[in-house]
Amino acid sequence: MIDKTFLEKLESMARQAVRPATIQDEHRRFIYDDNEGCYKLIERVVRQQGEVANVECLVDLVLEEARRRENVTGEWMTVTFQKNGALFSADDRERLDVYTFTRELSPEWRTIRGVLGKPMKHVEFLRLLQSLRGVLVNAGTVIRAFRAVDVSRVARFASSPTLQEGKASVGLAIDLLVKMTGGGETTARLELPENIAFVLPFARGGDRKWELNAEVFIEVVREGEKETLNFGFLVPDIEAVERDARELEVEQFRVATQTLPRLLVLENF
């Protein structure tokens, strides 16, 4: 005679053989508990990742994550600043949630960086200044000065661009030999600003604005039988300004998150 307990064991094994250990229901997953004879919800571990474009958003992110986790001191949280942004680990014990601050330069800053040292024809240079009108100091005066350049009737240049001390400041002076309507040539002097300044944010959406002082250069170029001018500018101290801007970002961040005394802030420039 077969023992009843043995039969029950066989039946249990048969049920287990056809019953899945886990089941999936949309976004939820369940595992069977043999002791309680039912399926139980498996707690999900979701890896959080995100990205922000400026330090102000990074501050908001860190403070909000601390609030949601009820972490009033910032314990086990780390922010590591790098040259192009920062990494934020919300919990170093797990390192499942890692957020990235990848600095997005302001559109104007990207534009200026992209044309440094690049010679442009007169029309191109005017278009560039027009596109930067919103961040160009004394934009109207500067644009008018360069728009007044008309070398269409120039036979040749009497001299290369030279510095000239004027009433207001140092400027660029060019002596032109211009054809006269009745024949012959006459000398005309073209005076342009040597320096122009921009005031603009470093990062997109950033609160702080920085001044970039640009040195204008003018080149005399020959196109066939005709001489014309190319324009451009340089910003010799742009690297130093960018370094100061990055350091200020870190300082801003430290001040804004001082309510989290255990938050670890590292600098890896």
C-alpha atoms as a PDB file:
ATOM      1  CA  MET A   1       0.000   0.000   0.000  1.00  0.00           C
ATOM      2  CA  ILE A   2       1.365   3.422  -0.997  1.00  0.00           C
ATOM      3  CA  ASP A   3       1.827   5.859   1.870  1.00  0.00           C
ATOM      4  CA  LYS A   4      -0.543   8.878   1.746  1.00  0.00           C
ATOM      5  CA  THR A   5       2.261  11.305   2.576  1.00  0.00           C
ATOM      6  CA  PHE A   6       4.282   9.984  -0.305  1.00  0.00           C
ATOM      7  CA  LEU A   7       1.372  10.546  -2.682  1.00  0.00           C
ATOM      8  CA  GLU A   8       0.932  14.126  -1.486  1.00  0.00           C
ATOM      9  CA  LYS A   9       4.628  14.714  -2.048  1.00  0.00           C
ATOM     10  CA  LEU A  10       4.372  13.384  -5.596  1.00  0.00           C
ATOM     11  CA  GLU A  11       1.364  15.606  -6.286  1.00  0.00           C
ATOM     12  CA  SER A  12       3.208  18.659  -4.934  1.00  0.00           C
ATOM     13  CA  MET A  13       6.224  17.894  -7.129  1.00  0.00           C
ATOM     14  CA  ALA A  14       3.966  17.524 -10.142  1.00  0.00           C
ATOM     15  CA  ARG A  15       2.360  20.897  -9.504  1.00  0.00           C
ATOM     16  CA  GLN A  16       5.763  22.526  -9.098  1.00  0.00           C
ATOM     17  CA  ALA A  17       6.922  20.989 -12.363  1.00  0.00           C
ATOM     18  CA  VAL A  18       4.161  22.701 -14.367  1.00  0.00           C
ATOM     19  CA  ARG A  19       3.911  25.898 -12.305  1.00  0.00           C
ATOM     20  CA  PRO A  20       6.342  28.700 -13.364  1.00  0.00           C
ATOM     21  CA  ALA A  21       8.633  29.939 -10.632  1.00  0.00           C
ATOM     22  CA  THR A  22       8.053  33.528 -11.746  1.00  0.00           C
ATOM     23  CA  ILE A  23       5.369  35.296 -13.743  1.00  0.00           C
ATOM     24  CA  GLN A  24       5.300  38.687 -15.474  1.00  0.00           C
ATOM     25  CA  ASP A  25       2.343  41.078 -15.385  1.00  0.00           C
ATOM     26  CA  GLU A  26       3.017  44.180 -17.497  1.00  0.00           C
ATOM     27  CA  HIS A  27       5.723  46.013 -15.541  1.00  0.00           C
ATOM     28  CA  ARG A  28       5.480  43.818 -12.450  1.00  0.00           C
ATOM     29  CA  ARG A  29       7.214  40.493 -11.720  1.00  0.00           C
ATOM     30  CA  PHE A  30       6.125  37.843  -9.178  1.00  0.00           C
ATOM     31  CA  ILE A  31       7.863  34.824  -7.609  1.00  0.00           C
ATOM     32  CA  TYR A  32       6.101  31.824  -6.061  1.00  0.00           C
ATOM     33  CA  ASP A  33       6.471  31.398  -2.295  1.00  0.00           C
ATOM     34  CA  ASP A  34       6.309  27.663  -1.457  1.00  0.00           C
ATOM     35  CA  ASN A  35       5.799  28.322   2.236  1.00  0.00           C
ATOM     36  CA  GLU A  36       2.736  30.493   1.749  1.00  0.00           C
ATOM     37  CA  GLY A  37       1.541  28.839  -1.459  1.00  0.00           C
ATOM     38  CA  CYS A  38       1.152  32.051  -3.458  1.00  0.00           C
ATOM     39  CA  TYR A  39       2.980  34.459  -5.765  1.00  0.00           C
ATOM     40  CA  LYS A  40       4.631  37.523  -4.243  1.00  0.00           C
ATOM     41  CA  LEU A  41       5.627  40.752  -5.931  1.00  0.00           C
ATOM     42  CA  ILE A  42       9.361  41.117  -6.511  1.00  0.00           C
ATOM     43  CA  GLU A  43      10.567  44.542  -5.448  1.00  0.00           C
ATOM     44  CA  ARG A  44      11.966  46.303  -8.492  1.00  0.00           C
ATOM     45  CA  VAL A  45      15.407  47.874  -8.556  1.00  0.00           C
ATOM     46  CA  VAL A  46      15.308  50.630 -11.183  1.00  0.00           C
ATOM     47  CA  ARG A  47      18.545  52.269 -12.220  1.00  0.00           C
ATOM     48  CA  GLN A  48      18.074  56.012 -12.467  1.00  0.00           C
ATOM     49  CA  GLN A  49      20.048  58.058 -14.977  1.00  0.00           C
ATOM     50  CA  GLY A  50      19.656  61.626 -16.146  1.00  0.00           C
ATOM     51  CA  GLU A  51      21.452  64.628 -17.554  1.00  0.00           C
ATOM     52  CA  VAL A  52      21.363  68.371 -16.926  1.00  0.00           C
ATOM     53  CA  ALA A  53      22.925  71.255 -18.878  1.00  0.00           C
ATOM     54  CA  ASN A  54      23.968  73.794 -16.224  1.00  0.00           C
ATOM     55  CA  VAL A  55      25.020  73.973 -12.605  1.00  0.00           C
ATOM     56  CA  GLU A  56      21.725  75.537 -11.472  1.00  0.00           C
ATOM     57  CA  CYS A  57      19.852  72.427 -12.641  1.00  0.00           C
ATOM     58  CA  LEU A  58      22.454  70.231 -10.933  1.00  0.00           C
ATOM     59  CA  VAL A  59      21.768  72.009  -7.634  1.00  0.00           C
ATOM     60  CA  ASP A  60      18.019  71.417  -8.029  1.00  0.00           C
ATOM     61  CA  LEU A  61      18.639  67.745  -8.840  1.00  0.00           C
ATOM     62  CA  VAL A  62      20.857  67.073  -5.821  1.00  0.00           C
ATOM     63  CA  LEU A  63      18.535  68.839  -3.374  1.00  0.00           C
ATOM     64  CA  GLU A  64      15.466  67.029  -4.755  1.00  0.00           C
ATOM     65  CA  GLU A  65      17.139  63.605  -4.612  1.00  0.00           C
ATOM     66  CA  ALA A  66      18.126  64.267  -0.991  1.00  0.00           C
ATOM     67  CA  ARG A  67      14.519  65.224  -0.192  1.00  0.00           C
ATOM     68  CA  ARG A  68      13.015  62.156  -1.865  1.00  0.00           C
ATOM     69  CA  ARG A  69      15.434  59.855  -0.068  1.00  0.00           C
ATOM     70  CA  GLU A  70      14.898  61.657   3.242  1.00  0.00           C
ATOM     71  CA  ASN A  71      18.662  62.130   3.344  1.00  0.00           C
ATOM     72  CA  VAL A  72      18.891  65.366   5.309  1.00  0.00           C
ATOM     73  CA  THR A  73      22.719  65.438   5.446  1.00  0.00           C
ATOM     74  CA  GLY A  74      23.723  64.203   1.972  1.00  0.00           C
ATOM     75  CA  GLU A  75      25.346  61.085   3.448  1.00  0.00           C
ATOM     76  CA  TRP A  76      26.834  58.778   0.744  1.00  0.00           C
ATOM     77  CA  MET A  77      26.143  61.339  -1.973  1.00  0.00           C
ATOM     78  CA  THR A  78      29.067  62.483  -4.157  1.00  0.00           C
ATOM     79  CA  VAL A  79      29.425  65.135  -6.865  1.00  0.00           C
ATOM     80  CA  THR A  80      32.633  65.109  -8.915  1.00  0.00           C
ATOM     81  CA  PHE A  81      33.249  68.223 -11.017  1.00  0.00           C
ATOM     82  CA  GLN A  82      35.194  67.773 -14.251  1.00  0.00           C
ATOM     83  CA  LYS A  83      36.291  70.123 -17.027  1.00  0.00           C
ATOM     84  CA  ASN A  84      33.117  69.611 -19.072  1.00  0.00           C
ATOM     85  CA  GLY A  85      30.606  69.156 -16.238  1.00  0.00           C
ATOM     86  CA  ALA A  86      30.122  66.824 -13.290  1.00  0.00           C
ATOM     87  CA  LEU A  87      28.932  63.376 -12.158  1.00  0.00           C
ATOM     88  CA  PHE A  88      26.449  62.945  -9.310  1.00  0.00           C
ATOM     89  CA  SER A  89      26.166  59.634  -7.458  1.00  0.00           C
ATOM     90  CA  ALA A  90      23.017  59.646  -5.340  1.00  0.00           C
ATOM     91  CA  ASP A  91      24.189  56.716  -3.164  1.00  0.00           C
ATOM     92  CA  ASP A  92      27.793  55.505  -3.267  1.00  0.00           C
ATOM     93  CA  ARG A  93      26.870  52.266  -1.510  1.00  0.00           C
ATOM     94  CA  GLU A  94      24.935  51.065  -4.541  1.00  0.00           C
ATOM     95  CA  ARG A  95      25.943  53.410  -7.387  1.00  0.00           C
ATOM     96  CA  LEU A  96      22.759  52.522  -9.239  1.00  0.00           C
ATOM     97  CA  ASP A  97      21.631  56.119  -9.661  1.00  0.00           C
ATOM     98  CA  VAL A  98      24.177  58.256 -11.492  1.00  0.00           C
ATOM     99  CA  TYR A  99      23.359  61.621 -13.044  1.00  0.00           C
ATOM    100  CA  THR A 100      25.493  63.618 -15.456  1.00  0.00           C
ATOM    101  CA  PHE A 101      25.961  67.365 -15.702  1.00  0.00           C
ATOM    102  CA  THR A 102      27.318  67.915 -19.209  1.00  0.00           C
ATOM    103  CA  ARG A 103      27.816  71.639 -19.570  1.00  0.00           C
ATOM    104  CA  GLU A 104      26.020  73.031 -22.601  1.00  0.00           C
ATOM    105  CA  LEU A 105      27.739  76.252 -23.627  1.00  0.00           C
ATOM    106  CA  SER A 106      25.466  79.159 -24.465  1.00  0.00           C
ATOM    107  CA  PRO A 107      24.795  79.483 -28.224  1.00  0.00           C
ATOM    108  CA  GLU A 108      26.647  82.809 -28.370  1.00  0.00           C
ATOM    109  CA  TRP A 109      29.690  81.381 -26.575  1.00  0.00           C
ATOM    110  CA  ARG A 110      29.791  78.464 -29.029  1.00  0.00           C
ATOM    111  CA  THR A 111      29.553  80.893 -31.944  1.00  0.00           C
ATOM    112  CA  ILE A 112      32.426  83.049 -30.687  1.00  0.00           C
ATOM    113  CA  ARG A 113      34.593  79.994 -29.990  1.00  0.00           C
ATOM    114  CA  GLY A 114      33.906  78.681 -33.475  1.00  0.00           C
ATOM    115  CA  VAL A 115      35.160  81.786 -35.315  1.00  0.00           C
ATOM    116  CA  LEU A 116      38.221  82.746 -33.251  1.00  0.00           C
ATOM    117  CA  GLY A 117      41.109  83.552 -35.580  1.00  0.00           C
ATOM    118  CA  LYS A 118      39.026  82.851 -38.690  1.00  0.00           C
ATOM    119  CA  PRO A 119      39.353  85.504 -41.438  1.00  0.00           C
ATOM    120  CA  MET A 120      36.011  86.453 -43.002  1.00  0.00           C
ATOM    121  CA  LYS A 121      34.918  88.567 -45.874  1.00  0.00           C
ATOM    122  CA  HIS A 122      33.223  91.836 -45.044  1.00  0.00           C
ATOM    123  CA  VAL A 123      29.686  90.511 -45.545  1.00  0.00           C
ATOM    124  CA  GLU A 124      30.362  87.409 -43.438  1.00  0.00           C
ATOM    125  CA  PHE A 125      31.822  89.505 -40.639  1.00  0.00           C
ATOM    126  CA  LEU A 126      28.822  91.837 -40.623  1.00  0.00           C
ATOM    127  CA  ARG A 127      26.444  88.850 -40.451  1.00  0.00           C
ATOM    128  CA  LEU A 128      28.424  87.482 -37.523  1.00  0.00           C
ATOM    129  CA  LEU A 129      28.190  90.763 -35.610  1.00  0.00           C
ATOM    130  CA  GLN A 130      24.464  90.957 -36.364  1.00  0.00           C
ATOM    131  CA  SER A 131      23.935  87.432 -34.988  1.00  0.00           C
ATOM    132  CA  LEU A 132      25.768  88.449 -31.799  1.00  0.00           C
ATOM    133  CA  ARG A 133      23.992  91.785 -31.429  1.00  0.00           C
ATOM    134  CA  GLY A 134      22.279  90.677 -28.205  1.00  0.00           C
ATOM    135  CA  VAL A 135      25.609  90.134 -26.411  1.00  0.00           C
ATOM    136  CA  LEU A 136      27.759  92.735 -28.223  1.00  0.00           C
ATOM    137  CA  VAL A 137      28.584  95.821 -26.134  1.00  0.00           C
ATOM    138  CA  ASN A 138      27.573  99.044 -27.933  1.00  0.00           C
ATOM    139  CA  ALA A 139      26.238  96.860 -30.730  1.00  0.00           C
ATOM    140  CA  GLY A 140      24.730  99.679 -32.779  1.00  0.00           C
ATOM    141  CA  THR A 141      27.924 101.757 -32.846  1.00  0.00           C
ATOM    142  CA  VAL A 142      30.185  98.788 -33.579  1.00  0.00           C
ATOM    143  CA  ILE A 143      28.036  97.394 -36.381  1.00  0.00           C
ATOM    144  CA  ARG A 144      27.641 100.824 -37.981  1.00  0.00           C
ATOM    145  CA  ALA A 145      31.404 101.311 -37.946  1.00  0.00           C
ATOM    146  CA  PHE A 146      32.084  98.081 -39.805  1.00  0.00           C
ATOM    147  CA  ARG A 147      29.083  98.467 -42.098  1.00  0.00           C
ATOM    148  CA  ALA A 148      30.546 101.797 -43.303  1.00  0.00           C
ATOM    149  CA  VAL A 149      33.497  99.953 -44.832  1.00  0.00           C
ATOM    150  CA  ASP A 150      33.141 100.190 -48.617  1.00  0.00           C
ATOM    151  CA  VAL A 151      36.179  99.137 -50.613  1.00  0.00           C
ATOM    152  CA  SER A 152      34.299  98.526 -53.852  1.00  0.00           C
ATOM    153  CA  ARG A 153      35.925 101.568 -55.472  1.00  0.00           C
ATOM    154  CA  VAL A 154      39.374 101.007 -54.021  1.00  0.00           C
ATOM    155  CA  ALA A 155      42.208 100.753 -56.530  1.00  0.00           C
ATOM    156  CA  ARG A 156      44.660  99.608 -53.873  1.00  0.00           C
ATOM    157  CA  PHE A 157      45.610 100.139 -50.250  1.00  0.00           C
ATOM    158  CA  ALA A 158      48.207 102.746 -49.496  1.00  0.00           C
ATOM    159  CA  SER A 159      49.146 100.911 -46.251  1.00  0.00           C
ATOM    160  CA  SER A 160      48.335  97.840 -44.211  1.00  0.00           C
ATOM    161  CA  PRO A 161      46.100  98.291 -41.153  1.00  0.00           C
ATOM    162  CA  THR A 162      47.940 100.147 -38.386  1.00  0.00           C
ATOM    163  CA  LEU A 163      47.117 101.121 -34.836  1.00  0.00           C
ATOM    164  CA  GLN A 164      46.190 104.732 -34.307  1.00  0.00           C
ATOM    165  CA  GLU A 165      45.719 106.628 -31.068  1.00  0.00           C
ATOM    166  CA  GLY A 166      42.473 108.539 -31.403  1.00  0.00           C
ATOM    167  CA  LYS A 167      40.476 110.819 -29.147  1.00  0.00           C
ATOM    168  CA  ALA A 168      38.537 108.003 -27.535  1.00  0.00           C
ATOM    169  CA  SER A 169      40.779 104.939 -27.805  1.00  0.00           C
ATOM    170  CA  VAL A 170      43.216 103.016 -29.930  1.00  0.00           C
ATOM    171  CA  GLY A 171      41.767 101.987 -33.270  1.00  0.00           C
ATOM    172  CA  LEU A 172      42.718 100.515 -36.616  1.00  0.00           C
ATOM    173  CA  ALA A 173      43.492 102.917 -39.450  1.00  0.00           C
ATOM    174  CA  ILE A 174      43.803 102.028 -43.136  1.00  0.00           C
ATOM    175  CA  ASP A 175      44.839 104.449 -45.872  1.00  0.00           C
ATOM    176  CA  LEU A 176      42.995 103.769 -49.118  1.00  0.00           C
ATOM    177  CA  LEU A 177      43.685 105.010 -52.619  1.00  0.00           C
ATOM    178  CA  VAL A 178      40.203 105.558 -54.052  1.00  0.00           C
ATOM    179  CA  LYS A 179      39.437 106.172 -57.711  1.00  0.00           C
ATOM    180  CA  MET A 180      37.787 109.525 -58.346  1.00  0.00           C
ATOM    181  CA  THR A 181      34.835 109.899 -60.696  1.00  0.00           C
ATOM    182  CA  GLY A 182      36.666 112.331 -62.987  1.00  0.00           C
ATOM    183  CA  GLY A 183      39.824 110.249 -63.028  1.00  0.00           C
ATOM    184  CA  GLY A 184      42.862 109.968 -60.808  1.00  0.00           C
ATOM    185  CA  GLU A 185      43.034 108.825 -57.191  1.00  0.00           C
ATOM    186  CA  THR A 186      42.597 110.365 -53.795  1.00  0.00           C
ATOM    187  CA  THR A 187      43.617 109.166 -50.354  1.00  0.00           C
ATOM    188  CA  ALA A 188      40.965 108.268 -47.803  1.00  0.00           C
ATOM    189  CA  ARG A 189      41.460 107.044 -44.250  1.00  0.00           C
ATOM    190  CA  LEU A 190      39.336 104.211 -42.843  1.00  0.00           C
ATOM    191  CA  GLU A 191      39.142 104.027 -39.033  1.00  0.00           C
ATOM    192  CA  LEU A 192      37.700 101.033 -37.206  1.00  0.00           C
ATOM    193  CA  PRO A 193      37.641  99.844 -33.596  1.00  0.00           C
ATOM    194  CA  GLU A 194      40.502  97.554 -32.649  1.00  0.00           C
ATOM    195  CA  ASN A 195      38.655  95.990 -29.711  1.00  0.00           C
ATOM    196  CA  ILE A 196      35.064  94.871 -29.263  1.00  0.00           C
ATOM    197  CA  ALA A 197      33.503  93.396 -26.137  1.00  0.00           C
ATOM    198  CA  PHE A 198      30.850  90.768 -25.519  1.00  0.00           C
ATOM    199  CA  VAL A 199      28.874  90.143 -22.315  1.00  0.00           C
ATOM    200  CA  LEU A 200      27.217  86.729 -22.278  1.00  0.00           C
ATOM    201  CA  PRO A 201      26.506  83.623 -20.180  1.00  0.00           C
ATOM    202  CA  PHE A 202      29.074  80.813 -20.187  1.00  0.00           C
ATOM    203  CA  ALA A 203      26.595  77.919 -19.959  1.00  0.00           C
ATOM    204  CA  ARG A 204      23.176  77.734 -21.589  1.00  0.00           C
ATOM    205  CA  GLY A 205      20.624  79.126 -19.175  1.00  0.00           C
ATOM    206  CA  GLY A 206      23.324  80.200 -16.716  1.00  0.00           C
ATOM    207  CA  ASP A 207      22.670  83.116 -14.362  1.00  0.00           C
ATOM    208  CA  ARG A 208      26.150  84.676 -14.393  1.00  0.00           C
ATOM    209  CA  LYS A 209      27.376  86.682 -17.406  1.00  0.00           C
ATOM    210  CA  TRP A 210      31.005  87.098 -18.430  1.00  0.00           C
ATOM    211  CA  GLU A 211      32.872  89.692 -20.482  1.00  0.00           C
ATOM    212  CA  LEU A 212      34.997  88.629 -23.432  1.00  0.00           C
ATOM    213  CA  ASN A 213      37.304  91.265 -24.914  1.00  0.00           C
ATOM    214  CA  ALA A 214      38.010  90.549 -28.565  1.00  0.00           C
ATOM    215  CA  GLU A 215      40.905  91.954 -30.592  1.00  0.00           C
ATOM    216  CA  VAL A 216      39.879  92.721 -34.173  1.00  0.00           C
ATOM    217  CA  PHE A 217      42.301  91.934 -36.984  1.00  0.00           C
ATOM    218  CA  ILE A 218      42.082  93.073 -40.600  1.00  0.00           C
ATOM    219  CA  GLU A 219      43.954  91.491 -43.487  1.00  0.00           C
ATOM    220  CA  VAL A 220      44.561  92.929 -46.934  1.00  0.00           C
ATOM    221  CA  VAL A 221      44.019  90.195 -49.545  1.00  0.00           C
ATOM    222  CA  ARG A 222      44.250  90.258 -53.329  1.00  0.00           C
ATOM    223  CA  GLU A 223      41.457  88.856 -55.473  1.00  0.00           C
ATOM    224  CA  GLY A 224      42.723  88.947 -59.033  1.00  0.00           C
ATOM    225  CA  GLU A 225      43.585  92.548 -59.826  1.00  0.00           C
ATOM    226  CA  LYS A 226      41.639  93.873 -56.853  1.00  0.00           C
ATOM    227  CA  GLU A 227      42.595  94.219 -53.203  1.00  0.00           C
ATOM    228  CA  THR A 228      40.012  93.708 -50.494  1.00  0.00           C
ATOM    229  CA  LEU A 229      39.791  93.190 -46.732  1.00  0.00           C
ATOM    230  CA  ASN A 230      39.171  90.188 -44.511  1.00  0.00           C
ATOM    231  CA  PHE A 231      38.039  90.641 -40.900  1.00  0.00           C
ATOM    232  CA  GLY A 232      38.142  88.523 -37.771  1.00  0.00           C
ATOM    233  CA  PHE A 233      38.854  88.622 -34.062  1.00  0.00           C
ATOM    234  CA  LEU A 234      40.727  86.840 -31.298  1.00  0.00           C
ATOM    235  CA  VAL A 235      39.996  86.538 -27.573  1.00  0.00           C
ATOM    236  CA  PRO A 236      43.433  85.932 -25.996  1.00  0.00           C
ATOM    237  CA  ASP A 237      42.136  85.335 -22.473  1.00  0.00           C
ATOM    238  CA  ILE A 238      39.161  83.093 -23.283  1.00  0.00           C
ATOM    239  CA  GLU A 239      40.802  80.059 -21.632  1.00  0.00           C
ATOM    240  CA  ALA A 240      41.339  82.028 -18.414  1.00  0.00           C
ATOM    241  CA  VAL A 241      37.737  83.281 -18.450  1.00  0.00           C
ATOM    242  CA  GLU A 242      36.441  79.737 -18.945  1.00  0.00           C
ATOM    243  CA  ARG A 243      38.578  78.513 -16.048  1.00  0.00           C
ATOM    244  CA  ASP A 244      37.156  81.234 -13.818  1.00  0.00           C
ATOM    245  CA  ALA A 245      33.633  80.327 -14.964  1.00  0.00           C
ATOM    246  CA  ARG A 246      34.138  76.656 -14.057  1.00  0.00           C
ATOM    247  CA  GLU A 247      35.546  77.554 -10.648  1.00  0.00           C
ATOM    248  CA  LEU A 248      32.600  79.845  -9.991  1.00  0.00           C
ATOM    249  CA  GLU A 249      30.211  77.004 -10.868  1.00  0.00           C
ATOM    250  CA  VAL A 250      31.778  74.870  -8.140  1.00  0.00           C
ATOM    251  CA  GLU A 251      31.613  77.739  -5.666  1.00  0.00           C
ATOM    252  CA  GLN A 252      27.939  78.368  -6.526  1.00  0.00           C
ATOM    253  CA  PHE A 253      27.189  74.693  -6.081  1.00  0.00           C
ATOM    254  CA  ARG A 254      28.883  74.495  -2.672  1.00  0.00           C
ATOM    255  CA  VAL A 255      26.963  77.517  -1.402  1.00  0.00           C
ATOM    256  CA  ALA A 256      23.606  76.264  -2.742  1.00  0.00           C
ATOM    257  CA  THR A 257      24.044  72.792  -1.194  1.00  0.00           C
ATOM    258  CA  GLN A 258      25.512  73.787   2.173  1.00  0.00           C
ATOM    259  CA  THR A 259      22.340  72.444   3.810  1.00  0.00           C
ATOM    260  CA  LEU A 260      23.764  68.965   3.047  1.00  0.00           C
ATOM    261  CA  PRO A 261      26.924  68.916   5.217  1.00  0.00           C
ATOM    262  CA  ARG A 262      27.796  65.283   4.392  1.00  0.00           C
ATOM    263  CA  LEU A 263      27.602  65.750   0.616  1.00  0.00           C
ATOM    264  CA  LEU A 264      31.049  65.007  -0.849  1.00  0.00           C
ATOM    265  CA  VAL A 265      32.114  67.520  -3.527  1.00  0.00           C
ATOM    266  CA  LEU A 266      35.237  66.680  -5.511  1.00  0.00           C
ATOM    267  CA  GLU A 267      37.063  68.699  -8.174  1.00  0.00           C
ATOM    268  CA  ASN A 268      38.827  66.883 -10.982  1.00  0.00           C
ATOM    269  CA  PHE A 269      39.738  69.581 -13.508  1.00  0.00           C
END
